[in-house]
Amino acid sequence: MNTPFLLDESAFHARVEAVFAAIESALDADGPGIDSEISGGILTLTFENDSKVIVNRQTFNRELWVAAKSGGFHFRFNGAEWRDTRSDEPLEALLARVISEQSGIVMSITI
């Protein structure tokens, strides 16, 4: 599963900003009809059907949390990539899956 990898606060925030930028870049390329907004460390994706996926930084835990219709997911950086703390699914794969489930748009996200 997830191997602990300690990021200091500055490195954590830099990695989260890179994740948010990668998601927004993928939306610009493949996500017509998906609106994104970053506010207070929270990235909200809103689809044409008004459903949402929320990506939230959890600084204390050094985690990214994703809230979607299919559930809530917690991700930690393992030194190479963000992985779900329960299933070990990569963040990229989970985001592509939940975006497709909620919006019908198939897209690829590279973080």
N, C-alpha and C. Protein backbone atom coordinates (compact mmCIF):
# COMPACT_ATOMS: atom_id res chain seq x y z
N MET A 1 0.84 -1.20 0.00
CA MET A 1 0.00 0.00 0.00
C MET A 1 0.87 1.25 0.00
N ASN A 2 0.46 2.27 0.71
CA ASN A 2 1.18 3.53 0.72
C ASN A 2 2.39 3.48 1.62
N THR A 3 3.55 3.75 1.05
CA THR A 3 4.76 3.88 1.82
C THR A 3 4.81 5.31 2.36
N PRO A 4 5.01 5.48 3.66
CA PRO A 4 5.07 6.84 4.18
C PRO A 4 6.20 7.64 3.53
N PHE A 5 5.91 8.85 3.18
CA PHE A 5 6.90 9.76 2.60
C PHE A 5 6.57 11.13 3.15
N LEU A 6 7.49 11.69 3.92
CA LEU A 6 7.21 12.94 4.61
C LEU A 6 7.58 14.14 3.74
N LEU A 7 6.58 14.95 3.43
CA LEU A 7 6.80 16.21 2.73
C LEU A 7 6.74 17.33 3.76
N ASP A 8 7.69 18.28 3.68
CA ASP A 8 7.52 19.43 4.55
C ASP A 8 6.38 20.27 3.98
N GLU A 9 5.92 21.24 4.74
CA GLU A 9 4.73 22.00 4.35
C GLU A 9 4.91 22.72 3.01
N SER A 10 6.06 23.30 2.80
CA SER A 10 6.33 24.02 1.56
C SER A 10 6.31 23.08 0.36
N ALA A 11 6.94 21.93 0.49
CA ALA A 11 6.96 20.94 -0.60
C ALA A 11 5.56 20.40 -0.86
N PHE A 12 4.80 20.18 0.21
CA PHE A 12 3.42 19.72 0.06
C PHE A 12 2.60 20.72 -0.75
N HIS A 13 2.67 21.99 -0.38
CA HIS A 13 1.89 23.00 -1.10
C HIS A 13 2.32 23.10 -2.56
N ALA A 14 3.61 23.00 -2.82
CA ALA A 14 4.10 23.04 -4.20
C ALA A 14 3.56 21.86 -5.00
N ARG A 15 3.53 20.69 -4.41
CA ARG A 15 3.01 19.50 -5.11
C ARG A 15 1.50 19.64 -5.36
N VAL A 16 0.77 20.17 -4.38
CA VAL A 16 -0.68 20.36 -4.56
C VAL A 16 -0.94 21.36 -5.68
N GLU A 17 -0.19 22.44 -5.70
CA GLU A 17 -0.37 23.44 -6.77
C GLU A 17 -0.10 22.80 -8.13
N ALA A 18 0.90 21.92 -8.21
CA ALA A 18 1.19 21.23 -9.46
C ALA A 18 0.04 20.30 -9.85
N VAL A 19 -0.58 19.64 -8.87
CA VAL A 19 -1.74 18.78 -9.15
C VAL A 19 -2.89 19.63 -9.69
N PHE A 20 -3.19 20.73 -9.01
CA PHE A 20 -4.28 21.60 -9.47
C PHE A 20 -4.02 22.10 -10.89
N ALA A 21 -2.78 22.50 -11.17
CA ALA A 21 -2.44 22.99 -12.51
C ALA A 21 -2.59 21.89 -13.56
N ALA A 22 -2.19 20.66 -13.22
CA ALA A 22 -2.31 19.54 -14.15
C ALA A 22 -3.78 19.22 -14.44
N ILE A 23 -4.62 19.28 -13.41
CA ILE A 23 -6.05 19.02 -13.61
C ILE A 23 -6.65 20.10 -14.50
N GLU A 24 -6.34 21.35 -14.22
CA GLU A 24 -6.89 22.44 -15.04
C GLU A 24 -6.38 22.37 -16.48
N SER A 25 -5.14 21.96 -16.67
CA SER A 25 -4.59 21.81 -18.02
C SER A 25 -5.33 20.71 -18.78
N ALA A 26 -5.59 19.59 -18.10
CA ALA A 26 -6.33 18.49 -18.73
C ALA A 26 -7.75 18.93 -19.08
N LEU A 27 -8.36 19.72 -18.21
CA LEU A 27 -9.71 20.21 -18.49
C LEU A 27 -9.71 21.13 -19.70
N ASP A 28 -8.69 21.97 -19.82
CA ASP A 28 -8.59 22.87 -20.98
C ASP A 28 -8.49 22.07 -22.27
N ALA A 29 -7.78 20.92 -22.22
CA ALA A 29 -7.56 20.12 -23.42
C ALA A 29 -8.73 19.19 -23.73
N ASP A 30 -9.30 18.56 -22.71
CA ASP A 30 -10.28 17.49 -22.94
C ASP A 30 -11.61 17.66 -22.24
N GLY A 31 -11.80 18.76 -21.52
CA GLY A 31 -12.97 18.85 -20.66
C GLY A 31 -13.94 19.96 -20.99
N PRO A 32 -14.41 20.05 -22.24
CA PRO A 32 -15.41 21.09 -22.51
C PRO A 32 -16.66 20.82 -21.66
N GLY A 33 -17.21 21.87 -21.13
CA GLY A 33 -18.40 21.70 -20.31
C GLY A 33 -18.10 21.42 -18.85
N ILE A 34 -16.82 21.47 -18.47
CA ILE A 34 -16.44 21.30 -17.07
C ILE A 34 -15.85 22.62 -16.60
N ASP A 35 -16.45 23.20 -15.59
CA ASP A 35 -15.94 24.44 -15.00
C ASP A 35 -15.08 24.08 -13.80
N SER A 36 -14.00 24.84 -13.60
CA SER A 36 -13.16 24.62 -12.43
C SER A 36 -12.95 25.95 -11.71
N GLU A 37 -12.83 25.85 -10.40
CA GLU A 37 -12.59 27.03 -9.58
C GLU A 37 -11.72 26.62 -8.40
N ILE A 38 -10.68 27.40 -8.16
CA ILE A 38 -9.81 27.18 -7.00
C ILE A 38 -10.06 28.30 -6.02
N SER A 39 -10.37 27.93 -4.78
CA SER A 39 -10.60 28.92 -3.74
C SER A 39 -10.22 28.31 -2.39
N GLY A 40 -9.34 28.97 -1.68
CA GLY A 40 -8.98 28.53 -0.34
C GLY A 40 -8.40 27.13 -0.28
N GLY A 41 -7.63 26.73 -1.29
CA GLY A 41 -7.02 25.41 -1.28
C GLY A 41 -7.95 24.30 -1.72
N ILE A 42 -9.07 24.68 -2.30
CA ILE A 42 -10.07 23.70 -2.76
C ILE A 42 -10.29 23.91 -4.25
N LEU A 43 -10.18 22.82 -5.02
CA LEU A 43 -10.48 22.84 -6.44
C LEU A 43 -11.84 22.19 -6.63
N THR A 44 -12.77 22.94 -7.18
CA THR A 44 -14.12 22.43 -7.41
C THR A 44 -14.34 22.29 -8.91
N LEU A 45 -14.70 21.10 -9.35
CA LEU A 45 -15.06 20.83 -10.73
C LEU A 45 -16.57 20.72 -10.79
N THR A 46 -17.18 21.51 -11.65
CA THR A 46 -18.64 21.49 -11.78
C THR A 46 -18.98 21.08 -13.21
N PHE A 47 -19.86 20.11 -13.34
CA PHE A 47 -20.23 19.56 -14.63
C PHE A 47 -21.55 20.14 -15.11
N GLU A 48 -21.86 19.94 -16.39
CA GLU A 48 -23.08 20.49 -16.96
C GLU A 48 -24.35 20.01 -16.24
N ASN A 49 -24.29 18.82 -15.62
CA ASN A 49 -25.44 18.30 -14.88
C ASN A 49 -25.48 18.80 -13.44
N ASP A 50 -24.64 19.79 -13.13
CA ASP A 50 -24.52 20.43 -11.81
C ASP A 50 -23.92 19.54 -10.73
N SER A 51 -23.44 18.34 -11.06
CA SER A 51 -22.73 17.57 -10.05
C SER A 51 -21.32 18.11 -9.93
N LYS A 52 -20.64 17.77 -8.84
CA LYS A 52 -19.33 18.33 -8.55
C LYS A 52 -18.36 17.23 -8.11
N VAL A 53 -17.09 17.47 -8.37
CA VAL A 53 -15.98 16.73 -7.78
C VAL A 53 -15.13 17.78 -7.10
N ILE A 54 -14.77 17.53 -5.85
CA ILE A 54 -14.00 18.49 -5.07
C ILE A 54 -12.66 17.86 -4.68
N VAL A 55 -11.59 18.60 -4.95
CA VAL A 55 -10.24 18.18 -4.56
C VAL A 55 -9.77 19.19 -3.52
N ASN A 56 -9.46 18.71 -2.34
CA ASN A 56 -9.20 19.56 -1.19
C ASN A 56 -7.85 19.20 -0.57
N ARG A 57 -7.02 20.20 -0.33
CA ARG A 57 -5.75 19.94 0.34
C ARG A 57 -5.97 19.84 1.85
N GLN A 58 -5.35 18.86 2.46
CA GLN A 58 -5.38 18.68 3.91
C GLN A 58 -3.94 18.81 4.41
N THR A 59 -3.57 20.04 4.74
CA THR A 59 -2.18 20.34 5.06
C THR A 59 -1.69 19.57 6.28
N PHE A 60 -2.48 19.50 7.32
CA PHE A 60 -2.04 18.83 8.55
C PHE A 60 -1.64 17.39 8.28
N ASN A 61 -2.45 16.68 7.47
CA ASN A 61 -2.20 15.27 7.16
C ASN A 61 -1.28 15.08 5.96
N ARG A 62 -0.98 16.17 5.23
CA ARG A 62 -0.23 16.12 3.98
C ARG A 62 -0.93 15.19 2.99
N GLU A 63 -2.25 15.37 2.88
CA GLU A 63 -3.07 14.56 1.99
C GLU A 63 -3.88 15.45 1.06
N LEU A 64 -4.31 14.86 -0.04
CA LEU A 64 -5.32 15.43 -0.92
C LEU A 64 -6.56 14.59 -0.74
N TRP A 65 -7.70 15.24 -0.55
CA TRP A 65 -8.96 14.52 -0.43
C TRP A 65 -9.81 14.82 -1.65
N VAL A 66 -10.45 13.80 -2.16
CA VAL A 66 -11.34 13.94 -3.31
C VAL A 66 -12.73 13.51 -2.87
N ALA A 67 -13.70 14.39 -3.12
CA ALA A 67 -15.11 14.06 -2.84
C ALA A 67 -15.83 13.97 -4.18
N ALA A 68 -16.50 12.84 -4.39
CA ALA A 68 -17.25 12.60 -5.61
C ALA A 68 -18.53 11.87 -5.25
N LYS A 69 -19.44 11.72 -6.21
CA LYS A 69 -20.68 10.99 -5.93
C LYS A 69 -20.39 9.58 -5.43
N SER A 70 -19.31 8.97 -5.93
CA SER A 70 -19.00 7.59 -5.57
C SER A 70 -18.31 7.45 -4.22
N GLY A 71 -17.97 8.58 -3.58
CA GLY A 71 -17.38 8.49 -2.25
C GLY A 71 -16.30 9.52 -2.01
N GLY A 72 -15.65 9.37 -0.85
CA GLY A 72 -14.56 10.24 -0.47
C GLY A 72 -13.26 9.44 -0.49
N PHE A 73 -12.19 10.07 -0.95
CA PHE A 73 -10.92 9.37 -1.15
C PHE A 73 -9.80 10.24 -0.60
N HIS A 74 -8.83 9.60 0.04
CA HIS A 74 -7.69 10.31 0.64
C HIS A 74 -6.42 9.85 -0.07
N PHE A 75 -5.59 10.81 -0.49
CA PHE A 75 -4.38 10.51 -1.23
C PHE A 75 -3.17 11.05 -0.51
N ARG A 76 -2.08 10.25 -0.51
CA ARG A 76 -0.79 10.66 0.02
C ARG A 76 0.26 10.53 -1.08
N PHE A 77 1.22 11.40 -1.03
CA PHE A 77 2.33 11.35 -1.97
C PHE A 77 3.34 10.33 -1.44
N ASN A 78 3.74 9.38 -2.28
CA ASN A 78 4.64 8.32 -1.83
C ASN A 78 6.09 8.51 -2.29
N GLY A 79 6.39 9.70 -2.78
CA GLY A 79 7.73 9.96 -3.29
C GLY A 79 7.77 9.98 -4.80
N ALA A 80 6.75 9.36 -5.41
CA ALA A 80 6.68 9.31 -6.88
C ALA A 80 5.32 9.78 -7.39
N GLU A 81 4.25 9.46 -6.65
CA GLU A 81 2.90 9.80 -7.11
C GLU A 81 1.94 9.83 -5.93
N TRP A 82 0.76 10.39 -6.17
CA TRP A 82 -0.31 10.42 -5.17
C TRP A 82 -1.10 9.12 -5.28
N ARG A 83 -1.26 8.40 -4.14
CA ARG A 83 -1.98 7.12 -4.13
C ARG A 83 -3.05 7.15 -3.05
N ASP A 84 -4.19 6.50 -3.34
CA ASP A 84 -5.28 6.41 -2.38
C ASP A 84 -4.82 5.60 -1.17
N THR A 85 -5.15 6.08 0.02
CA THR A 85 -4.68 5.44 1.25
C THR A 85 -5.36 4.10 1.52
N ARG A 86 -6.50 3.83 0.89
CA ARG A 86 -7.17 2.54 1.09
C ARG A 86 -6.95 1.59 -0.07
N SER A 87 -7.21 2.04 -1.28
CA SER A 87 -7.16 1.14 -2.44
C SER A 87 -5.81 1.16 -3.16
N ASP A 88 -4.98 2.15 -2.89
CA ASP A 88 -3.70 2.37 -3.56
C ASP A 88 -3.86 2.80 -5.02
N GLU A 89 -5.07 3.20 -5.41
CA GLU A 89 -5.31 3.68 -6.77
C GLU A 89 -4.60 5.02 -6.97
N PRO A 90 -3.95 5.22 -8.11
CA PRO A 90 -3.33 6.52 -8.38
C PRO A 90 -4.37 7.63 -8.52
N LEU A 91 -4.00 8.82 -8.09
CA LEU A 91 -4.90 9.97 -8.18
C LEU A 91 -5.36 10.20 -9.61
N GLU A 92 -4.44 10.10 -10.58
CA GLU A 92 -4.78 10.33 -11.98
C GLU A 92 -5.92 9.41 -12.43
N ALA A 93 -5.82 8.13 -12.07
CA ALA A 93 -6.82 7.15 -12.49
C ALA A 93 -8.16 7.42 -11.82
N LEU A 94 -8.13 7.73 -10.53
CA LEU A 94 -9.39 8.00 -9.83
C LEU A 94 -10.08 9.23 -10.40
N LEU A 95 -9.33 10.31 -10.63
CA LEU A 95 -9.95 11.51 -11.18
C LEU A 95 -10.56 11.25 -12.55
N ALA A 96 -9.83 10.56 -13.41
CA ALA A 96 -10.37 10.25 -14.74
C ALA A 96 -11.66 9.44 -14.61
N ARG A 97 -11.67 8.48 -13.67
CA ARG A 97 -12.84 7.63 -13.48
C ARG A 97 -14.04 8.41 -12.96
N VAL A 98 -13.85 9.20 -11.90
CA VAL A 98 -15.00 9.90 -11.32
C VAL A 98 -15.51 11.02 -12.24
N ILE A 99 -14.61 11.65 -12.98
CA ILE A 99 -15.05 12.67 -13.94
C ILE A 99 -15.89 12.01 -15.02
N SER A 100 -15.46 10.87 -15.52
CA SER A 100 -16.22 10.15 -16.53
C SER A 100 -17.58 9.70 -15.99
N GLU A 101 -17.58 9.16 -14.77
CA GLU A 101 -18.83 8.69 -14.16
C GLU A 101 -19.84 9.83 -14.00
N GLN A 102 -19.36 10.99 -13.60
CA GLN A 102 -20.27 12.09 -13.29
C GLN A 102 -20.61 12.98 -14.48
N SER A 103 -19.71 13.05 -15.45
CA SER A 103 -19.95 13.97 -16.57
C SER A 103 -20.15 13.28 -17.90
N GLY A 104 -19.71 12.04 -18.00
CA GLY A 104 -19.75 11.34 -19.28
C GLY A 104 -18.59 11.71 -20.18
N ILE A 105 -17.68 12.56 -19.72
CA ILE A 105 -16.52 12.98 -20.50
C ILE A 105 -15.34 12.08 -20.15
N VAL A 106 -14.77 11.46 -21.16
CA VAL A 106 -13.60 10.62 -20.95
C VAL A 106 -12.38 11.48 -21.17
N MET A 107 -11.52 11.51 -20.17
CA MET A 107 -10.33 12.34 -20.29
C MET A 107 -9.16 11.67 -19.59
N SER A 108 -7.98 12.14 -19.93
CA SER A 108 -6.75 11.64 -19.33
C SER A 108 -6.12 12.78 -18.55
N ILE A 109 -5.64 12.47 -17.36
CA ILE A 109 -4.97 13.46 -16.53
C ILE A 109 -3.58 12.93 -16.20
N THR A 110 -2.58 13.74 -16.49
CA THR A 110 -1.20 13.38 -16.17
C THR A 110 -0.69 14.35 -15.12
N ILE A 111 -0.31 13.78 -13.99
CA ILE A 111 0.19 14.60 -12.88
C ILE A 111 1.67 14.31 -12.69
